[in-house]
Amino acid sequence: MTGTVKWWSPSKGYGFIIPDDLSETHGGDAILHHSNCIKEMHERIDFTEGERVSFELTDIGRGPVAINVEKIEQRVFEPSPANGVS
């Protein structure tokens, strides 16, 4: 599933994701924790509010938790003279 980072604290290493499909979380947010993110060994991962992510959901008894979290690469359209956009 996919969603958007609602809030992230780099110093605490956690935050929240708003899932695109709120029915999966009964209308609430999913907890985002740095230990549940896919990253290279010893890589520090940071998020920004509004950033798009893909993830799976699990429930540890305190609500939905995002696991296997990955950033979704954002493609930026750069006009070029070849396609007639200036």
PDB file of N, CA and C in Angstrom:
ATOM      1  N   MET A   1       0.838  -1.173   0.000  1.00  0.00           N
ATOM      2  CA  MET A   1       0.000   0.000   0.000  1.00  0.00           C
ATOM      3  C   MET A   1       0.880   1.233   0.000  1.00  0.00           C
ATOM      4  N   THR A   2       0.273   2.376  -0.245  1.00  0.00           N
ATOM      5  CA  THR A   2       1.013   3.633  -0.303  1.00  0.00           C
ATOM      6  C   THR A   2       0.360   4.665   0.600  1.00  0.00           C
ATOM      7  N   GLY A   3       1.130   5.705   0.894  1.00  0.00           N
ATOM      8  CA  GLY A   3       0.617   6.779   1.726  1.00  0.00           C
ATOM      9  C   GLY A   3       1.569   7.959   1.728  1.00  0.00           C
ATOM     10  N   THR A   4       1.271   8.905   2.621  1.00  0.00           N
ATOM     11  CA  THR A   4       2.032  10.144   2.720  1.00  0.00           C
ATOM     12  C   THR A   4       2.496  10.334   4.157  1.00  0.00           C
ATOM     13  N   VAL A   5       3.759  10.741   4.319  1.00  0.00           N
ATOM     14  CA  VAL A   5       4.280  11.024   5.656  1.00  0.00           C
ATOM     15  C   VAL A   5       3.560  12.258   6.201  1.00  0.00           C
ATOM     16  N   LYS A   6       2.889  12.080   7.327  1.00  0.00           N
ATOM     17  CA  LYS A   6       2.140  13.171   7.958  1.00  0.00           C
ATOM     18  C   LYS A   6       3.050  13.981   8.869  1.00  0.00           C
ATOM     19  N   TRP A   7       3.900  13.279   9.616  1.00  0.00           N
ATOM     20  CA  TRP A   7       4.776  13.909  10.606  1.00  0.00           C
ATOM     21  C   TRP A   7       5.957  12.993  10.836  1.00  0.00           C
ATOM     22  N   TRP A   8       7.154  13.550  11.022  1.00  0.00           N
ATOM     23  CA  TRP A   8       8.353  12.751  11.267  1.00  0.00           C
ATOM     24  C   TRP A   8       9.282  13.514  12.190  1.00  0.00           C
ATOM     25  N   SER A   9       9.780  12.841  13.241  1.00  0.00           N
ATOM     26  CA  SER A   9      10.749  13.432  14.162  1.00  0.00           C
ATOM     27  C   SER A   9      12.095  12.744  13.954  1.00  0.00           C
ATOM     28  N   PRO A  10      13.049  13.410  13.315  1.00  0.00           N
ATOM     29  CA  PRO A  10      14.357  12.791  13.098  1.00  0.00           C
ATOM     30  C   PRO A  10      15.066  12.446  14.408  1.00  0.00           C
ATOM     31  N   SER A  11      14.921  13.276  15.413  1.00  0.00           N
ATOM     32  CA  SER A  11      15.611  13.021  16.681  1.00  0.00           C
ATOM     33  C   SER A  11      15.025  11.820  17.426  1.00  0.00           C
ATOM     34  N   LYS A  12      13.735  11.574  17.259  1.00  0.00           N
ATOM     35  CA  LYS A  12      13.090  10.447  17.943  1.00  0.00           C
ATOM     36  C   LYS A  12      12.988   9.211  17.056  1.00  0.00           C
ATOM     37  N   GLY A  13      13.094   9.397  15.749  1.00  0.00           N
ATOM     38  CA  GLY A  13      13.082   8.266  14.831  1.00  0.00           C
ATOM     39  C   GLY A  13      11.715   7.651  14.594  1.00  0.00           C
ATOM     40  N   TYR A  14      10.679   8.445  14.777  1.00  0.00           N
ATOM     41  CA  TYR A  14       9.342   7.937  14.473  1.00  0.00           C
ATOM     42  C   TYR A  14       8.455   9.046  13.959  1.00  0.00           C
ATOM     43  N   GLY A  15       7.292   8.636  13.428  1.00  0.00           N
ATOM     44  CA  GLY A  15       6.328   9.594  12.913  1.00  0.00           C
ATOM     45  C   GLY A  15       5.047   8.870  12.537  1.00  0.00           C
ATOM     46  N   PHE A  16       4.309   9.449  11.610  1.00  0.00           N
ATOM     47  CA  PHE A  16       3.022   8.884  11.207  1.00  0.00           C
ATOM     48  C   PHE A  16       2.844   8.980   9.702  1.00  0.00           C
ATOM     49  N   ILE A  17       2.125   8.002   9.151  1.00  0.00           N
ATOM     50  CA  ILE A  17       1.794   7.958   7.735  1.00  0.00           C
ATOM     51  C   ILE A  17       0.280   8.019   7.598  1.00  0.00           C
ATOM     52  N   ILE A  18      -0.194   8.802   6.639  1.00  0.00           N
ATOM     53  CA  ILE A  18      -1.614   8.791   6.275  1.00  0.00           C
ATOM     54  C   ILE A  18      -1.734   7.843   5.080  1.00  0.00           C
ATOM     55  N   PRO A  19      -2.354   6.677   5.268  1.00  0.00           N
ATOM     56  CA  PRO A  19      -2.508   5.753   4.144  1.00  0.00           C
ATOM     57  C   PRO A  19      -3.451   6.312   3.087  1.00  0.00           C
ATOM     58  N   ASP A  20      -3.198   5.979   1.836  1.00  0.00           N
ATOM     59  CA  ASP A  20      -4.105   6.385   0.761  1.00  0.00           C
ATOM     60  C   ASP A  20      -5.471   5.723   0.944  1.00  0.00           C
ATOM     61  N   ASP A  21      -5.469   4.480   1.433  1.00  0.00           N
ATOM     62  CA  ASP A  21      -6.711   3.751   1.683  1.00  0.00           C
ATOM     63  C   ASP A  21      -6.954   3.726   3.189  1.00  0.00           C
ATOM     64  N   LEU A  22      -7.710   4.691   3.682  1.00  0.00           N
ATOM     65  CA  LEU A  22      -7.943   4.804   5.129  1.00  0.00           C
ATOM     66  C   LEU A  22      -8.743   3.651   5.707  1.00  0.00           C
ATOM     67  N   SER A  23      -9.411   2.873   4.867  1.00  0.00           N
ATOM     68  CA  SER A  23     -10.172   1.737   5.392  1.00  0.00           C
ATOM     69  C   SER A  23      -9.238   0.690   6.005  1.00  0.00           C
ATOM     70  N   GLU A  24      -7.988   0.661   5.550  1.00  0.00           N
ATOM     71  CA  GLU A  24      -7.017  -0.293   6.088  1.00  0.00           C
ATOM     72  C   GLU A  24      -6.643   0.025   7.535  1.00  0.00           C
ATOM     73  N   THR A  25      -6.779   1.274   7.935  1.00  0.00           N
ATOM     74  CA  THR A  25      -6.415   1.683   9.297  1.00  0.00           C
ATOM     75  C   THR A  25      -7.629   2.183  10.073  1.00  0.00           C
ATOM     76  N   HIS A  26      -8.816   1.864   9.584  1.00  0.00           N
ATOM     77  CA  HIS A  26     -10.067   2.296  10.211  1.00  0.00           C
ATOM     78  C   HIS A  26     -10.127   3.814  10.359  1.00  0.00           C
ATOM     79  N   GLY A  27      -9.592   4.519   9.349  1.00  0.00           N
ATOM     80  CA  GLY A  27      -9.669   5.972   9.305  1.00  0.00           C
ATOM     81  C   GLY A  27      -8.553   6.700  10.008  1.00  0.00           C
ATOM     82  N   GLY A  28      -7.584   5.972  10.566  1.00  0.00           N
ATOM     83  CA  GLY A  28      -6.502   6.624  11.312  1.00  0.00           C
ATOM     84  C   GLY A  28      -5.166   6.563  10.595  1.00  0.00           C
ATOM     85  N   ASP A  29      -4.148   7.039  11.287  1.00  0.00           N
ATOM     86  CA  ASP A  29      -2.785   7.034  10.769  1.00  0.00           C
ATOM     87  C   ASP A  29      -2.102   5.722  11.134  1.00  0.00           C
ATOM     88  N   ALA A  30      -0.984   5.462  10.470  1.00  0.00           N
ATOM     89  CA  ALA A  30      -0.129   4.322  10.797  1.00  0.00           C
ATOM     90  C   ALA A  30       1.150   4.865  11.423  1.00  0.00           C
ATOM     91  N   ILE A  31       1.641   4.184  12.428  1.00  0.00           N
ATOM     92  CA  ILE A  31       2.890   4.578  13.079  1.00  0.00           C
ATOM     93  C   ILE A  31       4.056   4.228  12.151  1.00  0.00           C
ATOM     94  N   LEU A  32       4.986   5.157  12.032  1.00  0.00           N
ATOM     95  CA  LEU A  32       6.196   4.988  11.220  1.00  0.00           C
ATOM     96  C   LEU A  32       7.391   5.021  12.162  1.00  0.00           C
ATOM     97  N   HIS A  33       8.160   3.923  12.223  1.00  0.00           N
ATOM     98  CA  HIS A  33       9.342   3.861  13.087  1.00  0.00           C
ATOM     99  C   HIS A  33      10.555   3.516  12.242  1.00  0.00           C
ATOM    100  N   HIS A  34      11.682   4.157  12.539  1.00  0.00           N
ATOM    101  CA  HIS A  34      12.883   3.975  11.722  1.00  0.00           C
ATOM    102  C   HIS A  34      13.315   2.517  11.619  1.00  0.00           C
ATOM    103  N   SER A  35      13.040   1.703  12.620  1.00  0.00           N
ATOM    104  CA  SER A  35      13.468   0.303  12.598  1.00  0.00           C
ATOM    105  C   SER A  35      12.657  -0.539  11.610  1.00  0.00           C
ATOM    106  N   ASN A  36      11.542  -0.002  11.115  1.00  0.00           N
ATOM    107  CA  ASN A  36      10.695  -0.732  10.177  1.00  0.00           C
ATOM    108  C   ASN A  36      10.883  -0.272   8.736  1.00  0.00           C
ATOM    109  N   CYS A  37      11.968   0.456   8.480  1.00  0.00           N
ATOM    110  CA  CYS A  37      12.222   0.992   7.141  1.00  0.00           C
ATOM    111  C   CYS A  37      13.257   0.147   6.411  1.00  0.00           C
ATOM    112  N   ILE A  38      13.080   0.017   5.117  1.00  0.00           N
ATOM    113  CA  ILE A  38      14.047  -0.699   4.291  1.00  0.00           C
ATOM    114  C   ILE A  38      15.162   0.277   3.947  1.00  0.00           C
ATOM    115  N   LYS A  39      16.374  -0.083   4.354  1.00  0.00           N
ATOM    116  CA  LYS A  39      17.527   0.797   4.134  1.00  0.00           C
ATOM    117  C   LYS A  39      18.788  -0.053   4.071  1.00  0.00           C
ATOM    118  N   GLU A  40      19.836   0.544   3.589  1.00  0.00           N
ATOM    119  CA  GLU A  40      21.131  -0.124   3.582  1.00  0.00           C
ATOM    120  C   GLU A  40      21.650  -0.185   5.017  1.00  0.00           C
ATOM    121  N   MET A  41      22.478  -1.164   5.295  1.00  0.00           N
ATOM    122  CA  MET A  41      23.023  -1.335   6.644  1.00  0.00           C
ATOM    123  C   MET A  41      23.682  -0.049   7.131  1.00  0.00           C
ATOM    124  N   HIS A  42      23.380   0.359   8.326  1.00  0.00           N
ATOM    125  CA  HIS A  42      23.928   1.546   8.994  1.00  0.00           C
ATOM    126  C   HIS A  42      23.516   2.867   8.341  1.00  0.00           C
ATOM    127  N   GLU A  43      22.621   2.826   7.366  1.00  0.00           N
ATOM    128  CA  GLU A  43      22.152   4.049   6.726  1.00  0.00           C
ATOM    129  C   GLU A  43      21.106   4.713   7.620  1.00  0.00           C
ATOM    130  N   ARG A  44      21.231   5.994   7.812  1.00  0.00           N
ATOM    131  CA  ARG A  44      20.229   6.746   8.561  1.00  0.00           C
ATOM    132  C   ARG A  44      19.141   7.178   7.579  1.00  0.00           C
ATOM    133  N   ILE A  45      17.905   6.954   7.955  1.00  0.00           N
ATOM    134  CA  ILE A  45      16.810   7.300   7.063  1.00  0.00           C
ATOM    135  C   ILE A  45      16.025   8.452   7.674  1.00  0.00           C
ATOM    136  N   ASP A  46      15.727   9.434   6.875  1.00  0.00           N
ATOM    137  CA  ASP A  46      14.910  10.566   7.309  1.00  0.00           C
ATOM    138  C   ASP A  46      13.786  10.759   6.307  1.00  0.00           C
ATOM    139  N   PHE A  47      12.706  11.291   6.806  1.00  0.00           N
ATOM    140  CA  PHE A  47      11.552  11.570   5.969  1.00  0.00           C
ATOM    141  C   PHE A  47      11.199  13.041   6.100  1.00  0.00           C
ATOM    142  N   THR A  48      10.432  13.535   5.147  1.00  0.00           N
ATOM    143  CA  THR A  48       9.902  14.887   5.235  1.00  0.00           C
ATOM    144  C   THR A  48       8.384  14.798   5.136  1.00  0.00           C
ATOM    145  N   GLU A  49       7.723  15.722   5.769  1.00  0.00           N
ATOM    146  CA  GLU A  49       6.267  15.756   5.700  1.00  0.00           C
ATOM    147  C   GLU A  49       5.846  15.891   4.247  1.00  0.00           C
ATOM    148  N   GLY A  50       4.858  15.099   3.850  1.00  0.00           N
ATOM    149  CA  GLY A  50       4.372  15.124   2.482  1.00  0.00           C
ATOM    150  C   GLY A  50       5.067  14.142   1.559  1.00  0.00           C
ATOM    151  N   GLU A  51       6.114  13.494   2.036  1.00  0.00           N
ATOM    152  CA  GLU A  51       6.837  12.536   1.209  1.00  0.00           C
ATOM    153  C   GLU A  51       6.002  11.261   1.013  1.00  0.00           C
ATOM    154  N   ARG A  52       6.061  10.704  -0.196  1.00  0.00           N
ATOM    155  CA  ARG A  52       5.295   9.496  -0.528  1.00  0.00           C
ATOM    156  C   ARG A  52       6.098   8.256  -0.167  1.00  0.00           C
ATOM    157  N   VAL A  53       5.405   7.256   0.402  1.00  0.00           N
ATOM    158  CA  VAL A  53       6.049   6.015   0.804  1.00  0.00           C
ATOM    159  C   VAL A  53       5.171   4.814   0.443  1.00  0.00           C
ATOM    160  N   SER A  54       5.810   3.656   0.314  1.00  0.00           N
ATOM    161  CA  SER A  54       5.077   2.393   0.195  1.00  0.00           C
ATOM    162  C   SER A  54       5.384   1.603   1.463  1.00  0.00           C
ATOM    163  N   PHE A  55       4.442   0.760   1.879  1.00  0.00           N
ATOM    164  CA  PHE A  55       4.612   0.034   3.134  1.00  0.00           C
ATOM    165  C   PHE A  55       3.578  -1.079   3.238  1.00  0.00           C
ATOM    166  N   GLU A  56       3.770  -1.923   4.243  1.00  0.00           N
ATOM    167  CA  GLU A  56       2.797  -2.937   4.623  1.00  0.00           C
ATOM    168  C   GLU A  56       2.312  -2.570   6.021  1.00  0.00           C
ATOM    169  N   LEU A  57       1.170  -3.088   6.409  1.00  0.00           N
ATOM    170  CA  LEU A  57       0.627  -2.797   7.736  1.00  0.00           C
ATOM    171  C   LEU A  57       0.642  -4.031   8.623  1.00  0.00           C
ATOM    172  N   THR A  58       0.878  -3.798   9.889  1.00  0.00           N
ATOM    173  CA  THR A  58       0.709  -4.821  10.907  1.00  0.00           C
ATOM    174  C   THR A  58       0.079  -4.127  12.110  1.00  0.00           C
ATOM    175  N   ASP A  59      -0.390  -4.891  13.068  1.00  0.00           N
ATOM    176  CA  ASP A  59      -0.995  -4.304  14.271  1.00  0.00           C
ATOM    177  C   ASP A  59      -0.362  -4.965  15.481  1.00  0.00           C
ATOM    178  N   ILE A  60       0.234  -4.144  16.344  1.00  0.00           N
ATOM    179  CA  ILE A  60       0.896  -4.674  17.532  1.00  0.00           C
ATOM    180  C   ILE A  60       0.058  -4.468  18.788  1.00  0.00           C
ATOM    181  N   GLY A  61      -1.215  -4.190  18.611  1.00  0.00           N
ATOM    182  CA  GLY A  61      -2.100  -3.991  19.743  1.00  0.00           C
ATOM    183  C   GLY A  61      -2.331  -2.547  20.124  1.00  0.00           C
ATOM    184  N   ARG A  62      -1.490  -1.648  19.621  1.00  0.00           N
ATOM    185  CA  ARG A  62      -1.666  -0.216  19.911  1.00  0.00           C
ATOM    186  C   ARG A  62      -2.075   0.549  18.667  1.00  0.00           C
ATOM    187  N   GLY A  63      -2.461  -0.187  17.649  1.00  0.00           N
ATOM    188  CA  GLY A  63      -2.859   0.457  16.410  1.00  0.00           C
ATOM    189  C   GLY A  63      -1.995   0.022  15.261  1.00  0.00           C
ATOM    190  N   PRO A  64      -2.329   0.477  14.057  1.00  0.00           N
ATOM    191  CA  PRO A  64      -1.603   0.054  12.863  1.00  0.00           C
ATOM    192  C   PRO A  64      -0.173   0.593  12.835  1.00  0.00           C
ATOM    193  N   VAL A  65       0.748  -0.291  12.444  1.00  0.00           N
ATOM    194  CA  VAL A  65       2.162   0.058  12.343  1.00  0.00           C
ATOM    195  C   VAL A  65       2.621  -0.241  10.922  1.00  0.00           C
ATOM    196  N   ALA A  66       3.315   0.719  10.320  1.00  0.00           N
ATOM    197  CA  ALA A  66       3.864   0.539   8.973  1.00  0.00           C
ATOM    198  C   ALA A  66       5.176  -0.233   9.064  1.00  0.00           C
ATOM    199  N   ILE A  67       5.297  -1.281   8.250  1.00  0.00           N
ATOM    200  CA  ILE A  67       6.541  -2.054   8.172  1.00  0.00           C
ATOM    201  C   ILE A  67       6.997  -2.109   6.725  1.00  0.00           C
ATOM    202  N   ASN A  68       8.254  -2.473   6.538  1.00  0.00           N
ATOM    203  CA  ASN A  68       8.846  -2.535   5.190  1.00  0.00           C
ATOM    204  C   ASN A  68       8.605  -1.229   4.429  1.00  0.00           C
ATOM    205  N   VAL A  69       8.861  -0.132   5.106  1.00  0.00           N
ATOM    206  CA  VAL A  69       8.605   1.203   4.549  1.00  0.00           C
ATOM    207  C   VAL A  69       9.727   1.588   3.580  1.00  0.00           C
ATOM    208  N   GLU A  70       9.337   2.062   2.411  1.00  0.00           N
ATOM    209  CA  GLU A  70      10.280   2.554   1.404  1.00  0.00           C
ATOM    210  C   GLU A  70       9.778   3.870   0.845  1.00  0.00           C
ATOM    211  N   LYS A  71      10.713   4.761   0.559  1.00  0.00           N
ATOM    212  CA  LYS A  71      10.351   6.007  -0.107  1.00  0.00           C
ATOM    213  C   LYS A  71       9.977   5.707  -1.548  1.00  0.00           C
ATOM    214  N   ILE A  72       8.984   6.408  -2.049  1.00  0.00           N
ATOM    215  CA  ILE A  72       8.608   6.295  -3.456  1.00  0.00           C
ATOM    216  C   ILE A  72       9.325   7.412  -4.195  1.00  0.00           C
ATOM    217  N   GLU A  73      10.085   7.027  -5.199  1.00  0.00           N
ATOM    218  CA  GLU A  73      10.839   8.016  -5.953  1.00  0.00           C
ATOM    219  C   GLU A  73       9.894   8.950  -6.690  1.00  0.00           C
ATOM    220  N   GLN A  74      10.104  10.223  -6.516  1.00  0.00           N
ATOM    221  CA  GLN A  74       9.284  11.231  -7.180  1.00  0.00           C
ATOM    222  C   GLN A  74       9.947  11.616  -8.488  1.00  0.00           C
ATOM    223  N   ARG A  75       9.218  11.510  -9.562  1.00  0.00           N
ATOM    224  CA  ARG A  75       9.751  11.915 -10.859  1.00  0.00           C
ATOM    225  C   ARG A  75       9.425  13.381 -11.082  1.00  0.00           C
ATOM    226  N   VAL A  76      10.421  14.103 -11.509  1.00  0.00           N
ATOM    227  CA  VAL A  76      10.254  15.528 -11.781  1.00  0.00           C
ATOM    228  C   VAL A  76      10.313  15.728 -13.286  1.00  0.00           C
ATOM    229  N   PHE A  77       9.282  16.373 -13.816  1.00  0.00           N
ATOM    230  CA  PHE A  77       9.257  16.657 -15.246  1.00  0.00           C
ATOM    231  C   PHE A  77      10.113  17.877 -15.518  1.00  0.00           C
ATOM    232  N   GLU A  78      11.094  17.677 -16.379  1.00  0.00           N
ATOM    233  CA  GLU A  78      11.945  18.792 -16.773  1.00  0.00           C
ATOM    234  C   GLU A  78      11.739  19.030 -18.269  1.00  0.00           C
ATOM    235  N   PRO A  79      11.088  20.118 -18.607  1.00  0.00           N
ATOM    236  CA  PRO A  79      10.848  20.402 -20.018  1.00  0.00           C
ATOM    237  C   PRO A  79      12.164  20.593 -20.773  1.00  0.00           C
ATOM    238  N   SER A  80      12.166  20.156 -21.996  1.00  0.00           N
ATOM    239  CA  SER A  80      13.344  20.365 -22.834  1.00  0.00           C
ATOM    240  C   SER A  80      12.902  21.035 -24.137  1.00  0.00           C
ATOM    241  N   PRO A  81      13.794  21.727 -24.769  1.00  0.00           N
ATOM    242  CA  PRO A  81      13.446  22.401 -26.025  1.00  0.00           C
ATOM    243  C   PRO A  81      12.977  21.405 -27.096  1.00  0.00           C
ATOM    244  N   ALA A  82      13.392  20.144 -26.995  1.00  0.00           N
ATOM    245  CA  ALA A  82      13.034  19.145 -28.005  1.00  0.00           C
ATOM    246  C   ALA A  82      11.542  18.844 -28.015  1.00  0.00           C
ATOM    247  N   ASN A  83      10.866  18.977 -26.858  1.00  0.00           N
ATOM    248  CA  ASN A  83       9.437  18.661 -26.851  1.00  0.00           C
ATOM    249  C   ASN A  83       8.560  19.910 -26.966  1.00  0.00           C
ATOM    250  N   GLY A  84       9.173  21.026 -27.327  1.00  0.00           N
ATOM    251  CA  GLY A  84       8.410  22.230 -27.624  1.00  0.00           C
ATOM    252  C   GLY A  84       7.958  23.036 -26.420  1.00  0.00           C
ATOM    253  N   VAL A  85       8.430  22.699 -25.251  1.00  0.00           N
ATOM    254  CA  VAL A  85       8.062  23.438 -24.040  1.00  0.00           C
ATOM    255  C   VAL A  85       9.230  24.332 -23.671  1.00  0.00           C
ATOM    256  N   SER A  86       8.959  25.593 -23.432  1.00  0.00           N
ATOM    257  CA  SER A  86      10.063  26.489 -23.071  1.00  0.00           C
ATOM    258  C   SER A  86       9.796  27.142 -21.740  1.00  0.00           C
TER     259      SER A  86
END
